[in-house]
Amino acid sequence: MEKANRKSSILVVAAHPDDEILGCGGTMALHSMKGDEVYVLILGEGVTSRDVKRDRKKRDKEIKELRRDIEAANKIVGTKRTFLYDFPDNRFDSVPLLDIIKVIEKVKNEVIPDIVYTHHHGDLNIDHRLTFHAVLTACRPLKGESVKEIYSFEVPSSTEWSPDNSKYFMPNYFVNIKDTFQEKIKAMKAYTSEIRDFPHPRSARALEILACNRGISVGLEYAEAFEVIRQVRG
């Protein structure tokens, strides 16, 4: 009985600010409502890809503003703590993959997660793909590994734009977010520099359409969809 009632530790590993809300904001809020501890690791600074060459100093003010948005958005969905790193936006392939893995391992060893949510391996965005591979490496299923479940989420304006037919996002796990969908939208709106106008995929209306579509496919009003990467029971 004790085991059944034990609260879970949840780690969301995202490449960029707002990916965590776009991909699983409703599910994060649901975990929080149930008393689970939700942690978020955001690997990239999320801004410098707007320039031809990375100039971290030039974008320092925007990065600071974006970090305030991160805290505001994650407070809405009940995140206990956010871990923020400074990998170059949309240039993760310019740093050793091992450096990304080591960051994930460091955070993982601190929060001891039972469940990890992260990107899909077939995303158009290179940072998303590398994050997925880094997570799998950091969470290798060795004896004593705390992570028993890993799920890939979809990020509108990235996952659906992949041209590779063999790597399409094919959800097989759905979470009912009827009670937390409004928190997801409020959190996304807290990302003042990232929310877009309809019909952009990152607009509030488009996010509602996607949640309805995912819900309808399994008989629900609103849902977030995932691919199961690993589930260990018992």
C-alpha atoms as a PDB file:
ATOM      1  CA  MET A   1       0.000   0.000   0.000  1.00  0.00           C
ATOM      2  CA  GLU A   2       2.856   2.374   0.806  1.00  0.00           C
ATOM      3  CA  LYS A   3       4.449   1.760  -2.576  1.00  0.00           C
ATOM      4  CA  ALA A   4       1.173   2.423  -4.388  1.00  0.00           C
ATOM      5  CA  ASN A   5       0.772   5.777  -2.655  1.00  0.00           C
ATOM      6  CA  ARG A   6       4.348   6.935  -3.094  1.00  0.00           C
ATOM      7  CA  LYS A   7       4.654  10.217  -4.961  1.00  0.00           C
ATOM      8  CA  SER A   8       6.738  10.222  -8.116  1.00  0.00           C
ATOM      9  CA  SER A   9       9.688  12.379  -9.098  1.00  0.00           C
ATOM     10  CA  ILE A  10       9.256  13.730 -12.629  1.00  0.00           C
ATOM     11  CA  LEU A  11      12.023  15.174 -14.817  1.00  0.00           C
ATOM     12  CA  VAL A  12      11.242  17.021 -18.037  1.00  0.00           C
ATOM     13  CA  VAL A  13      14.322  17.468 -20.233  1.00  0.00           C
ATOM     14  CA  ALA A  14      13.818  20.158 -22.882  1.00  0.00           C
ATOM     15  CA  ALA A  15      16.204  21.662 -25.389  1.00  0.00           C
ATOM     16  CA  HIS A  16      14.766  25.190 -25.298  1.00  0.00           C
ATOM     17  CA  PRO A  17      12.592  27.444 -23.144  1.00  0.00           C
ATOM     18  CA  ASP A  18       8.883  26.756 -23.914  1.00  0.00           C
ATOM     19  CA  ASP A  19       9.479  23.216 -25.254  1.00  0.00           C
ATOM     20  CA  GLU A  20       8.505  21.811 -21.858  1.00  0.00           C
ATOM     21  CA  ILE A  21       5.134  23.603 -21.878  1.00  0.00           C
ATOM     22  CA  LEU A  22       4.410  22.913 -25.535  1.00  0.00           C
ATOM     23  CA  GLY A  23       5.252  19.240 -25.146  1.00  0.00           C
ATOM     24  CA  CYS A  24       3.793  18.333 -21.768  1.00  0.00           C
ATOM     25  CA  GLY A  25       2.618  21.430 -19.867  1.00  0.00           C
ATOM     26  CA  GLY A  26      -0.785  19.916 -19.141  1.00  0.00           C
ATOM     27  CA  THR A  27       0.757  16.654 -17.970  1.00  0.00           C
ATOM     28  CA  MET A  28       3.222  18.532 -15.754  1.00  0.00           C
ATOM     29  CA  ALA A  29       0.347  20.413 -14.132  1.00  0.00           C
ATOM     30  CA  LEU A  30      -1.518  17.142 -13.636  1.00  0.00           C
ATOM     31  CA  HIS A  31       1.496  15.561 -11.919  1.00  0.00           C
ATOM     32  CA  SER A  32       1.753  18.611  -9.670  1.00  0.00           C
ATOM     33  CA  MET A  33      -1.950  18.421  -8.790  1.00  0.00           C
ATOM     34  CA  LYS A  34      -1.453  14.796  -7.744  1.00  0.00           C
ATOM     35  CA  GLY A  35       1.416  15.732  -5.459  1.00  0.00           C
ATOM     36  CA  ASP A  36       4.278  14.518  -7.620  1.00  0.00           C
ATOM     37  CA  GLU A  37       7.488  16.554  -7.653  1.00  0.00           C
ATOM     38  CA  VAL A  38       8.102  18.026 -11.099  1.00  0.00           C
ATOM     39  CA  TYR A  39      11.548  19.205 -12.164  1.00  0.00           C
ATOM     40  CA  VAL A  40      12.505  20.806 -15.474  1.00  0.00           C
ATOM     41  CA  LEU A  41      15.912  20.851 -17.140  1.00  0.00           C
ATOM     42  CA  ILE A  42      16.263  23.314 -20.024  1.00  0.00           C
ATOM     43  CA  LEU A  43      19.545  22.796 -21.828  1.00  0.00           C
ATOM     44  CA  GLY A  44      19.781  25.725 -24.265  1.00  0.00           C
ATOM     45  CA  GLU A  45      19.620  29.493 -23.829  1.00  0.00           C
ATOM     46  CA  GLY A  46      16.993  29.748 -26.568  1.00  0.00           C
ATOM     47  CA  VAL A  47      17.927  33.036 -28.244  1.00  0.00           C
ATOM     48  CA  THR A  48      21.246  33.246 -30.087  1.00  0.00           C
ATOM     49  CA  SER A  49      20.172  31.303 -33.190  1.00  0.00           C
ATOM     50  CA  ARG A  50      18.555  34.539 -34.372  1.00  0.00           C
ATOM     51  CA  ASP A  51      22.028  35.753 -35.338  1.00  0.00           C
ATOM     52  CA  VAL A  52      24.265  34.435 -38.123  1.00  0.00           C
ATOM     53  CA  LYS A  53      27.038  33.915 -35.584  1.00  0.00           C
ATOM     54  CA  ARG A  54      26.447  33.245 -31.900  1.00  0.00           C
ATOM     55  CA  ASP A  55      26.967  36.371 -29.808  1.00  0.00           C
ATOM     56  CA  ARG A  56      25.956  35.505 -26.241  1.00  0.00           C
ATOM     57  CA  LYS A  57      26.801  38.969 -24.931  1.00  0.00           C
ATOM     58  CA  LYS A  58      24.668  40.719 -27.565  1.00  0.00           C
ATOM     59  CA  ARG A  59      21.620  38.720 -26.484  1.00  0.00           C
ATOM     60  CA  ASP A  60      22.224  38.864 -22.741  1.00  0.00           C
ATOM     61  CA  LYS A  61      19.210  41.092 -22.005  1.00  0.00           C
ATOM     62  CA  GLU A  62      16.848  38.855 -23.997  1.00  0.00           C
ATOM     63  CA  ILE A  63      18.196  35.745 -22.308  1.00  0.00           C
ATOM     64  CA  LYS A  64      17.579  37.280 -18.879  1.00  0.00           C
ATOM     65  CA  GLU A  65      14.019  38.219 -19.891  1.00  0.00           C
ATOM     66  CA  LEU A  66      13.427  34.731 -21.233  1.00  0.00           C
ATOM     67  CA  ARG A  67      14.641  33.210 -17.980  1.00  0.00           C
ATOM     68  CA  ARG A  68      12.087  35.285 -16.104  1.00  0.00           C
ATOM     69  CA  ASP A  69       9.440  33.880 -18.448  1.00  0.00           C
ATOM     70  CA  ILE A  70      10.700  30.362 -17.740  1.00  0.00           C
ATOM     71  CA  GLU A  71      10.171  30.830 -14.024  1.00  0.00           C
ATOM     72  CA  ALA A  72       6.736  32.410 -14.508  1.00  0.00           C
ATOM     73  CA  ALA A  73       5.536  29.682 -16.874  1.00  0.00           C
ATOM     74  CA  ASN A  74       6.778  26.829 -14.727  1.00  0.00           C
ATOM     75  CA  LYS A  75       5.272  28.311 -11.587  1.00  0.00           C
ATOM     76  CA  ILE A  76       1.857  28.133 -13.280  1.00  0.00           C
ATOM     77  CA  VAL A  77       2.149  24.383 -13.916  1.00  0.00           C
ATOM     78  CA  GLY A  78       3.613  23.671 -10.481  1.00  0.00           C
ATOM     79  CA  THR A  79       7.240  22.919 -11.296  1.00  0.00           C
ATOM     80  CA  LYS A  80       9.237  22.509  -8.087  1.00  0.00           C
ATOM     81  CA  ARG A  81      12.555  23.582  -9.608  1.00  0.00           C
ATOM     82  CA  THR A  82      13.981  24.508 -13.007  1.00  0.00           C
ATOM     83  CA  PHE A  83      17.580  23.798 -13.981  1.00  0.00           C
ATOM     84  CA  LEU A  84      18.831  26.169 -16.683  1.00  0.00           C
ATOM     85  CA  TYR A  85      21.917  25.687 -18.833  1.00  0.00           C
ATOM     86  CA  ASP A  86      23.541  27.652 -21.605  1.00  0.00           C
ATOM     87  CA  PHE A  87      24.112  25.399 -24.599  1.00  0.00           C
ATOM     88  CA  PRO A  88      24.028  27.355 -27.894  1.00  0.00           C
ATOM     89  CA  ASP A  89      20.536  27.682 -29.366  1.00  0.00           C
ATOM     90  CA  ASN A  90      20.009  25.451 -32.423  1.00  0.00           C
ATOM     91  CA  ARG A  91      23.723  24.646 -32.363  1.00  0.00           C
ATOM     92  CA  PHE A  92      23.826  21.644 -30.034  1.00  0.00           C
ATOM     93  CA  ASP A  93      25.712  19.819 -32.787  1.00  0.00           C
ATOM     94  CA  SER A  94      28.602  22.245 -32.248  1.00  0.00           C
ATOM     95  CA  VAL A  95      29.342  20.848 -28.776  1.00  0.00           C
ATOM     96  CA  PRO A  96      30.307  17.300 -27.780  1.00  0.00           C
ATOM     97  CA  LEU A  97      27.254  15.157 -27.105  1.00  0.00           C
ATOM     98  CA  LEU A  98      29.015  13.938 -23.971  1.00  0.00           C
ATOM     99  CA  ASP A  99      28.829  17.469 -22.515  1.00  0.00           C
ATOM    100  CA  ILE A 100      25.037  17.388 -22.834  1.00  0.00           C
ATOM    101  CA  ILE A 101      24.865  13.883 -21.382  1.00  0.00           C
ATOM    102  CA  LYS A 102      26.929  14.920 -18.350  1.00  0.00           C
ATOM    103  CA  VAL A 103      24.538  17.803 -17.576  1.00  0.00           C
ATOM    104  CA  ILE A 104      21.543  15.482 -17.758  1.00  0.00           C
ATOM    105  CA  GLU A 105      23.289  12.927 -15.541  1.00  0.00           C
ATOM    106  CA  LYS A 106      24.126  15.614 -12.991  1.00  0.00           C
ATOM    107  CA  VAL A 107      20.521  16.789 -12.710  1.00  0.00           C
ATOM    108  CA  LYS A 108      19.172  13.253 -12.811  1.00  0.00           C
ATOM    109  CA  ASN A 109      21.414  12.217  -9.930  1.00  0.00           C
ATOM    110  CA  GLU A 110      20.147  15.176  -7.908  1.00  0.00           C
ATOM    111  CA  VAL A 111      16.388  14.691  -8.389  1.00  0.00           C
ATOM    112  CA  ILE A 112      16.340  10.863  -8.797  1.00  0.00           C
ATOM    113  CA  PRO A 113      13.409  10.812 -11.251  1.00  0.00           C
ATOM    114  CA  ASP A 114      11.049   7.900 -11.737  1.00  0.00           C
ATOM    115  CA  ILE A 115       9.656   9.318 -14.988  1.00  0.00           C
ATOM    116  CA  VAL A 116      11.352  11.352 -17.717  1.00  0.00           C
ATOM    117  CA  TYR A 117       9.648  13.290 -20.504  1.00  0.00           C
ATOM    118  CA  THR A 118      11.721  14.549 -23.412  1.00  0.00           C
ATOM    119  CA  HIS A 119      11.813  15.233 -27.140  1.00  0.00           C
ATOM    120  CA  HIS A 120      11.040  12.947 -30.047  1.00  0.00           C
ATOM    121  CA  HIS A 121      13.928  11.404 -31.955  1.00  0.00           C
ATOM    122  CA  GLY A 122      12.477  12.371 -35.339  1.00  0.00           C
ATOM    123  CA  ASP A 123      12.019  16.127 -34.799  1.00  0.00           C
ATOM    124  CA  LEU A 124      13.081  18.580 -37.463  1.00  0.00           C
ATOM    125  CA  ASN A 125      15.074  20.527 -34.857  1.00  0.00           C
ATOM    126  CA  ILE A 126      18.636  19.247 -34.368  1.00  0.00           C
ATOM    127  CA  ASP A 127      18.695  20.281 -30.701  1.00  0.00           C
ATOM    128  CA  HIS A 128      15.572  18.215 -30.037  1.00  0.00           C
ATOM    129  CA  ARG A 129      17.051  15.129 -31.669  1.00  0.00           C
ATOM    130  CA  LEU A 130      20.326  15.415 -29.787  1.00  0.00           C
ATOM    131  CA  THR A 131      18.492  15.974 -26.503  1.00  0.00           C
ATOM    132  CA  PHE A 132      16.579  12.731 -27.049  1.00  0.00           C
ATOM    133  CA  HIS A 133      19.780  10.763 -27.640  1.00  0.00           C
ATOM    134  CA  ALA A 134      21.504  12.397 -24.671  1.00  0.00           C
ATOM    135  CA  VAL A 135      18.580  11.474 -22.400  1.00  0.00           C
ATOM    136  CA  LEU A 136      18.644   7.833 -23.495  1.00  0.00           C
ATOM    137  CA  THR A 137      22.360   7.666 -22.827  1.00  0.00           C
ATOM    138  CA  ALA A 138      22.072   9.378 -19.440  1.00  0.00           C
ATOM    139  CA  CYS A 139      19.237   7.007 -18.455  1.00  0.00           C
ATOM    140  CA  ARG A 140      20.771   3.721 -19.561  1.00  0.00           C
ATOM    141  CA  PRO A 141      18.773   0.820 -18.066  1.00  0.00           C
ATOM    142  CA  LEU A 142      21.480  -0.458 -15.758  1.00  0.00           C
ATOM    143  CA  LYS A 143      20.927  -2.093 -12.378  1.00  0.00           C
ATOM    144  CA  GLY A 144      19.849   0.537  -9.863  1.00  0.00           C
ATOM    145  CA  GLU A 145      18.647   3.064 -12.476  1.00  0.00           C
ATOM    146  CA  SER A 146      15.862   5.196 -10.977  1.00  0.00           C
ATOM    147  CA  VAL A 147      14.186   6.034 -14.300  1.00  0.00           C
ATOM    148  CA  LYS A 148      11.495   3.460 -14.981  1.00  0.00           C
ATOM    149  CA  GLU A 149       9.505   5.353 -17.612  1.00  0.00           C
ATOM    150  CA  ILE A 150      10.596   7.535 -20.538  1.00  0.00           C
ATOM    151  CA  TYR A 151       8.151   9.304 -22.856  1.00  0.00           C
ATOM    152  CA  SER A 152       8.728  11.427 -25.942  1.00  0.00           C
ATOM    153  CA  PHE A 153       6.506  14.466 -26.487  1.00  0.00           C
ATOM    154  CA  GLU A 154       5.684  16.484 -29.583  1.00  0.00           C
ATOM    155  CA  VAL A 155       6.646  20.138 -30.015  1.00  0.00           C
ATOM    156  CA  PRO A 156       4.377  22.034 -32.426  1.00  0.00           C
ATOM    157  CA  SER A 157       6.345  23.762 -35.223  1.00  0.00           C
ATOM    158  CA  SER A 158       9.035  21.102 -35.060  1.00  0.00           C
ATOM    159  CA  THR A 159       7.833  17.532 -34.636  1.00  0.00           C
ATOM    160  CA  GLU A 160       5.182  17.698 -37.345  1.00  0.00           C
ATOM    161  CA  TRP A 161       7.571  19.334 -39.821  1.00  0.00           C
ATOM    162  CA  SER A 162       9.996  16.417 -40.005  1.00  0.00           C
ATOM    163  CA  PRO A 163      10.403  15.194 -43.607  1.00  0.00           C
ATOM    164  CA  ASP A 164      11.546  11.692 -42.593  1.00  0.00           C
ATOM    165  CA  ASN A 165       8.656   9.256 -43.072  1.00  0.00           C
ATOM    166  CA  SER A 166      10.436   6.596 -41.017  1.00  0.00           C
ATOM    167  CA  LYS A 167      10.619   8.845 -37.937  1.00  0.00           C
ATOM    168  CA  TYR A 168       7.155  10.357 -37.688  1.00  0.00           C
ATOM    169  CA  PHE A 169       5.723  10.940 -34.233  1.00  0.00           C
ATOM    170  CA  MET A 170       3.375   7.997 -33.625  1.00  0.00           C
ATOM    171  CA  PRO A 171       1.724   8.490 -30.214  1.00  0.00           C
ATOM    172  CA  ASN A 172       0.729   5.426 -28.234  1.00  0.00           C
ATOM    173  CA  TYR A 173       0.217   7.003 -24.806  1.00  0.00           C
ATOM    174  CA  PHE A 174      -2.296   9.749 -24.049  1.00  0.00           C
ATOM    175  CA  VAL A 175      -2.859  11.874 -20.945  1.00  0.00           C
ATOM    176  CA  ASN A 176      -6.233  13.448 -20.196  1.00  0.00           C
ATOM    177  CA  ILE A 177      -5.511  17.158 -19.592  1.00  0.00           C
ATOM    178  CA  LYS A 178      -9.098  18.390 -19.437  1.00  0.00           C
ATOM    179  CA  ASP A 179      -8.510  19.710 -15.908  1.00  0.00           C
ATOM    180  CA  THR A 180      -5.128  21.309 -16.668  1.00  0.00           C
ATOM    181  CA  PHE A 181      -5.388  22.547 -20.237  1.00  0.00           C
ATOM    182  CA  GLN A 182      -5.994  26.147 -19.134  1.00  0.00           C
ATOM    183  CA  GLU A 183      -2.810  26.032 -17.040  1.00  0.00           C
ATOM    184  CA  LYS A 184      -0.911  24.889 -20.134  1.00  0.00           C
ATOM    185  CA  ILE A 185      -2.230  27.871 -22.121  1.00  0.00           C
ATOM    186  CA  LYS A 186      -1.548  30.342 -19.300  1.00  0.00           C
ATOM    187  CA  ALA A 187       1.986  28.999 -18.995  1.00  0.00           C
ATOM    188  CA  MET A 188       2.574  29.297 -22.726  1.00  0.00           C
ATOM    189  CA  LYS A 189       1.314  32.876 -22.688  1.00  0.00           C
ATOM    190  CA  ALA A 190       3.885  33.598 -19.971  1.00  0.00           C
ATOM    191  CA  TYR A 191       6.482  33.026 -22.676  1.00  0.00           C
ATOM    192  CA  THR A 192       5.859  36.471 -24.091  1.00  0.00           C
ATOM    193  CA  SER A 193       8.568  36.218 -26.765  1.00  0.00           C
ATOM    194  CA  GLU A 194       7.607  32.710 -27.897  1.00  0.00           C
ATOM    195  CA  ILE A 195       3.790  32.694 -28.150  1.00  0.00           C
ATOM    196  CA  ARG A 196       2.572  33.403 -31.677  1.00  0.00           C
ATOM    197  CA  ASP A 197      -0.618  34.479 -33.442  1.00  0.00           C
ATOM    198  CA  PHE A 198      -2.906  31.969 -35.135  1.00  0.00           C
ATOM    199  CA  PRO A 199      -2.442  30.045 -37.415  1.00  0.00           C
ATOM    200  CA  HIS A 200       1.103  29.526 -36.107  1.00  0.00           C
ATOM    201  CA  PRO A 201       1.423  26.116 -34.384  1.00  0.00           C
ATOM    202  CA  ARG A 202       2.574  27.852 -31.187  1.00  0.00           C
ATOM    203  CA  SER A 203      -0.521  30.036 -30.912  1.00  0.00           C
ATOM    204  CA  ALA A 204      -3.041  29.425 -28.138  1.00  0.00           C
ATOM    205  CA  ARG A 205      -5.764  28.485 -30.595  1.00  0.00           C
ATOM    206  CA  ALA A 206      -3.521  26.028 -32.447  1.00  0.00           C
ATOM    207  CA  LEU A 207      -2.525  24.399 -29.169  1.00  0.00           C
ATOM    208  CA  GLU A 208      -6.196  23.959 -28.315  1.00  0.00           C
ATOM    209  CA  ILE A 209      -6.885  22.417 -31.719  1.00  0.00           C
ATOM    210  CA  LEU A 210      -4.004  19.989 -31.241  1.00  0.00           C
ATOM    211  CA  ALA A 211      -5.135  19.050 -27.723  1.00  0.00           C
ATOM    212  CA  CYS A 212      -8.689  18.496 -28.992  1.00  0.00           C
ATOM    213  CA  ASN A 213      -7.444  16.401 -31.904  1.00  0.00           C
ATOM    214  CA  ARG A 214      -5.292  14.240 -29.649  1.00  0.00           C
ATOM    215  CA  GLY A 215      -8.191  13.925 -27.237  1.00  0.00           C
ATOM    216  CA  ILE A 216     -10.743  13.033 -29.893  1.00  0.00           C
ATOM    217  CA  SER A 217      -8.488  10.226 -31.154  1.00  0.00           C
ATOM    218  CA  VAL A 218      -8.924   8.454 -27.796  1.00  0.00           C
ATOM    219  CA  GLY A 219     -12.378   9.628 -26.720  1.00  0.00           C
ATOM    220  CA  LEU A 220     -11.330  12.611 -24.612  1.00  0.00           C
ATOM    221  CA  GLU A 221     -11.889  16.364 -24.795  1.00  0.00           C
ATOM    222  CA  TYR A 222      -8.252  17.395 -24.353  1.00  0.00           C
ATOM    223  CA  ALA A 223      -5.136  15.250 -24.342  1.00  0.00           C
ATOM    224  CA  GLU A 224      -1.387  15.382 -24.672  1.00  0.00           C
ATOM    225  CA  ALA A 225       0.165  12.601 -26.719  1.00  0.00           C
ATOM    226  CA  PHE A 226       3.434  10.740 -26.212  1.00  0.00           C
ATOM    227  CA  GLU A 227       5.488   7.885 -27.586  1.00  0.00           C
ATOM    228  CA  VAL A 228       6.458   5.306 -24.989  1.00  0.00           C
ATOM    229  CA  ILE A 229      10.209   4.811 -25.028  1.00  0.00           C
ATOM    230  CA  ARG A 230      10.524   2.723 -21.876  1.00  0.00           C
ATOM    231  CA  GLN A 231       8.252   1.335 -19.168  1.00  0.00           C
ATOM    232  CA  VAL A 232       9.550  -0.908 -16.409  1.00  0.00           C
ATOM    233  CA  ARG A 233       6.986  -2.425 -14.077  1.00  0.00           C
ATOM    234  CA  GLY A 234       7.468  -4.315 -10.836  1.00  0.00           C
END
